[in-house]
Amino acid sequence: MVSSPTDVVEAAFRYYRSQDREAALALYADDFTFTSPQDDRIDRAAFFERCFPTADRMSEQQLLHVTPAGEGLIFVQYEYELTTGGRYRNVEAITVRDGLIQEVRVFFGGKV
């Protein structure tokens, strides 16, 4: 069964929060790239080494909007609370092709 791009993105967030690396790996294309204000088009291996293990910094994360924005493009706005305090919001533009996440571009928001 082929999942919709929205389903793939929502699953990726669930696996990140639960730190289910094996399940998450199956959702990301081999040529995946990740860009944020701190990372410039890092590859899949660097993403899973540097970014994926950071879920424990959050005491909570809530997806506010998961919005299809074109062929395979999903915009996600989420809010999270750090274990050290403070609530923040970010937006991600996520491209899904053939059931796999090809690219994530993160736009950091401010404190809520």
C-alpha atoms as a PDB file:
ATOM      1  CA  MET A   1       0.000   0.000   0.000  1.00  0.00           C
ATOM      2  CA  VAL A   2       1.348   3.417  -0.985  1.00  0.00           C
ATOM      3  CA  SER A   3       0.900   6.068   1.684  1.00  0.00           C
ATOM      4  CA  SER A   4      -0.008   9.638   0.881  1.00  0.00           C
ATOM      5  CA  PRO A   5       2.745  12.234   1.292  1.00  0.00           C
ATOM      6  CA  THR A   6       0.889  13.561   4.353  1.00  0.00           C
ATOM      7  CA  ASP A   7       0.859  10.083   5.930  1.00  0.00           C
ATOM      8  CA  VAL A   8       4.590   9.687   5.284  1.00  0.00           C
ATOM      9  CA  VAL A   9       5.363  13.052   6.908  1.00  0.00           C
ATOM     10  CA  GLU A  10       3.185  12.375   9.948  1.00  0.00           C
ATOM     11  CA  ALA A  11       4.835   8.962  10.384  1.00  0.00           C
ATOM     12  CA  ALA A  12       8.297  10.568  10.192  1.00  0.00           C
ATOM     13  CA  PHE A  13       7.399  12.930  13.039  1.00  0.00           C
ATOM     14  CA  ARG A  14       6.018  10.034  15.133  1.00  0.00           C
ATOM     15  CA  TYR A  15       9.181   7.988  14.589  1.00  0.00           C
ATOM     16  CA  TYR A  16      11.360  10.983  15.443  1.00  0.00           C
ATOM     17  CA  ARG A  17       9.519  11.593  18.727  1.00  0.00           C
ATOM     18  CA  SER A  18       9.656   7.892  19.677  1.00  0.00           C
ATOM     19  CA  GLN A  19      13.256   7.643  18.386  1.00  0.00           C
ATOM     20  CA  ASP A  20      12.382   4.631  16.230  1.00  0.00           C
ATOM     21  CA  ARG A  21      15.382   4.974  13.946  1.00  0.00           C
ATOM     22  CA  GLU A  22      14.784   1.771  11.972  1.00  0.00           C
ATOM     23  CA  ALA A  23      11.199   2.689  11.104  1.00  0.00           C
ATOM     24  CA  ALA A  24      12.255   6.245  10.236  1.00  0.00           C
ATOM     25  CA  LEU A  25      15.106   5.140   7.969  1.00  0.00           C
ATOM     26  CA  ALA A  26      12.585   3.353   5.745  1.00  0.00           C
ATOM     27  CA  LEU A  27      10.835   6.684   5.053  1.00  0.00           C
ATOM     28  CA  TYR A  28      13.875   8.609   3.752  1.00  0.00           C
ATOM     29  CA  ALA A  29      15.286   8.366   0.228  1.00  0.00           C
ATOM     30  CA  ASP A  30      18.928   7.426  -0.213  1.00  0.00           C
ATOM     31  CA  ASP A  31      19.611  10.842  -1.794  1.00  0.00           C
ATOM     32  CA  PHE A  32      17.716  12.738   0.949  1.00  0.00           C
ATOM     33  CA  THR A  33      18.906  16.250   1.882  1.00  0.00           C
ATOM     34  CA  PHE A  34      18.178  18.354   4.960  1.00  0.00           C
ATOM     35  CA  THR A  35      18.560  22.120   5.211  1.00  0.00           C
ATOM     36  CA  SER A  36      18.032  24.379   8.215  1.00  0.00           C
ATOM     37  CA  PRO A  37      19.616  27.596   9.448  1.00  0.00           C
ATOM     38  CA  GLN A  38      22.254  25.330  11.060  1.00  0.00           C
ATOM     39  CA  ASP A  39      22.653  22.728   8.289  1.00  0.00           C
ATOM     40  CA  ASP A  40      23.300  23.288   4.585  1.00  0.00           C
ATOM     41  CA  ARG A  41      21.964  20.387   2.505  1.00  0.00           C
ATOM     42  CA  ILE A  42      23.352  17.625   4.694  1.00  0.00           C
ATOM     43  CA  ASP A  43      22.812  14.057   3.512  1.00  0.00           C
ATOM     44  CA  ARG A  44      20.779  11.229   5.019  1.00  0.00           C
ATOM     45  CA  ALA A  45      23.656   9.833   7.087  1.00  0.00           C
ATOM     46  CA  ALA A  46      24.504  13.233   8.599  1.00  0.00           C
ATOM     47  CA  PHE A  47      20.819  13.912   9.327  1.00  0.00           C
ATOM     48  CA  PHE A  48      20.424  10.634  11.220  1.00  0.00           C
ATOM     49  CA  GLU A  49      23.675  11.219  13.094  1.00  0.00           C
ATOM     50  CA  ARG A  50      23.242  14.913  13.928  1.00  0.00           C
ATOM     51  CA  CYS A  51      19.539  15.774  13.893  1.00  0.00           C
ATOM     52  CA  PHE A  52      17.458  12.658  14.492  1.00  0.00           C
ATOM     53  CA  PRO A  53      18.775  11.977  18.037  1.00  0.00           C
ATOM     54  CA  THR A  54      17.626  15.409  19.313  1.00  0.00           C
ATOM     55  CA  ALA A  55      14.050  14.459  20.276  1.00  0.00           C
ATOM     56  CA  ASP A  56      15.013  14.132  23.934  1.00  0.00           C
ATOM     57  CA  ARG A  57      15.540  17.908  24.057  1.00  0.00           C
ATOM     58  CA  MET A  58      11.761  18.291  23.867  1.00  0.00           C
ATOM     59  CA  SER A  59       9.218  17.589  26.544  1.00  0.00           C
ATOM     60  CA  GLU A  60       6.430  18.001  23.992  1.00  0.00           C
ATOM     61  CA  GLN A  61       5.877  18.472  20.261  1.00  0.00           C
ATOM     62  CA  GLN A  62       2.556  19.112  18.568  1.00  0.00           C
ATOM     63  CA  LEU A  63       1.882  19.269  14.829  1.00  0.00           C
ATOM     64  CA  LEU A  64      -0.304  22.331  14.300  1.00  0.00           C
ATOM     65  CA  HIS A  65      -0.722  22.127  10.514  1.00  0.00           C
ATOM     66  CA  VAL A  66       0.189  19.444   7.995  1.00  0.00           C
ATOM     67  CA  THR A  67      -0.776  20.988   4.673  1.00  0.00           C
ATOM     68  CA  PRO A  68      -0.317  19.638   1.140  1.00  0.00           C
ATOM     69  CA  ALA A  69       1.050  22.460  -1.023  1.00  0.00           C
ATOM     70  CA  GLY A  70       1.527  20.825  -4.410  1.00  0.00           C
ATOM     71  CA  GLU A  71       2.733  17.589  -5.910  1.00  0.00           C
ATOM     72  CA  GLY A  72       4.491  15.870  -3.024  1.00  0.00           C
ATOM     73  CA  LEU A  73       5.177  19.096  -1.117  1.00  0.00           C
ATOM     74  CA  ILE A  74       3.925  19.234   2.462  1.00  0.00           C
ATOM     75  CA  PHE A  75       4.195  22.226   4.784  1.00  0.00           C
ATOM     76  CA  VAL A  76       4.289  21.388   8.488  1.00  0.00           C
ATOM     77  CA  GLN A  77       3.989  23.890  11.300  1.00  0.00           C
ATOM     78  CA  TYR A  78       4.712  22.524  14.748  1.00  0.00           C
ATOM     79  CA  GLU A  79       5.144  23.782  18.257  1.00  0.00           C
ATOM     80  CA  TYR A  80       7.442  22.258  20.827  1.00  0.00           C
ATOM     81  CA  GLU A  81       8.548  22.787  24.373  1.00  0.00           C
ATOM     82  CA  LEU A  82      12.142  22.251  25.400  1.00  0.00           C
ATOM     83  CA  THR A  83      12.970  20.323  28.554  1.00  0.00           C
ATOM     84  CA  THR A  84      14.944  23.393  29.629  1.00  0.00           C
ATOM     85  CA  GLY A  85      11.877  25.593  29.164  1.00  0.00           C
ATOM     86  CA  GLY A  86      10.512  27.756  26.385  1.00  0.00           C
ATOM     87  CA  ARG A  87       7.997  27.028  23.618  1.00  0.00           C
ATOM     88  CA  TYR A  88       8.868  27.517  19.948  1.00  0.00           C
ATOM     89  CA  ARG A  89       7.316  27.081  16.506  1.00  0.00           C
ATOM     90  CA  ASN A  90       8.993  25.982  13.284  1.00  0.00           C
ATOM     91  CA  VAL A  91       7.828  25.351   9.732  1.00  0.00           C
ATOM     92  CA  GLU A  92       9.176  22.620   7.474  1.00  0.00           C
ATOM     93  CA  ALA A  93       8.766  22.249   3.712  1.00  0.00           C
ATOM     94  CA  ILE A  94       8.997  18.517   3.049  1.00  0.00           C
ATOM     95  CA  THR A  95       9.140  16.932  -0.405  1.00  0.00           C
ATOM     96  CA  VAL A  96       7.870  13.349  -0.724  1.00  0.00           C
ATOM     97  CA  ARG A  97       8.280  11.337  -3.934  1.00  0.00           C
ATOM     98  CA  ASP A  98       7.313   7.715  -4.472  1.00  0.00           C
ATOM     99  CA  GLY A  99       6.490   7.368  -0.767  1.00  0.00           C
ATOM    100  CA  LEU A 100       9.914   8.577   0.415  1.00  0.00           C
ATOM    101  CA  ILE A 101      11.039  11.858   1.922  1.00  0.00           C
ATOM    102  CA  GLN A 102      13.441  13.470  -0.551  1.00  0.00           C
ATOM    103  CA  GLU A 103      14.088  16.826   1.065  1.00  0.00           C
ATOM    104  CA  VAL A 104      13.369  18.742   4.252  1.00  0.00           C
ATOM    105  CA  ARG A 105      13.838  22.496   4.561  1.00  0.00           C
ATOM    106  CA  VAL A 106      13.376  23.853   8.095  1.00  0.00           C
ATOM    107  CA  PHE A 107      12.522  27.453   8.892  1.00  0.00           C
ATOM    108  CA  PHE A 108      13.060  28.266  12.556  1.00  0.00           C
ATOM    109  CA  GLY A 109      10.364  30.287  14.224  1.00  0.00           C
ATOM    110  CA  GLY A 110      10.545  32.305  17.360  1.00  0.00           C
ATOM    111  CA  LYS A 111       9.614  31.779  20.942  1.00  0.00           C
ATOM    112  CA  VAL A 112       5.865  31.459  21.475  1.00  0.00           C
END
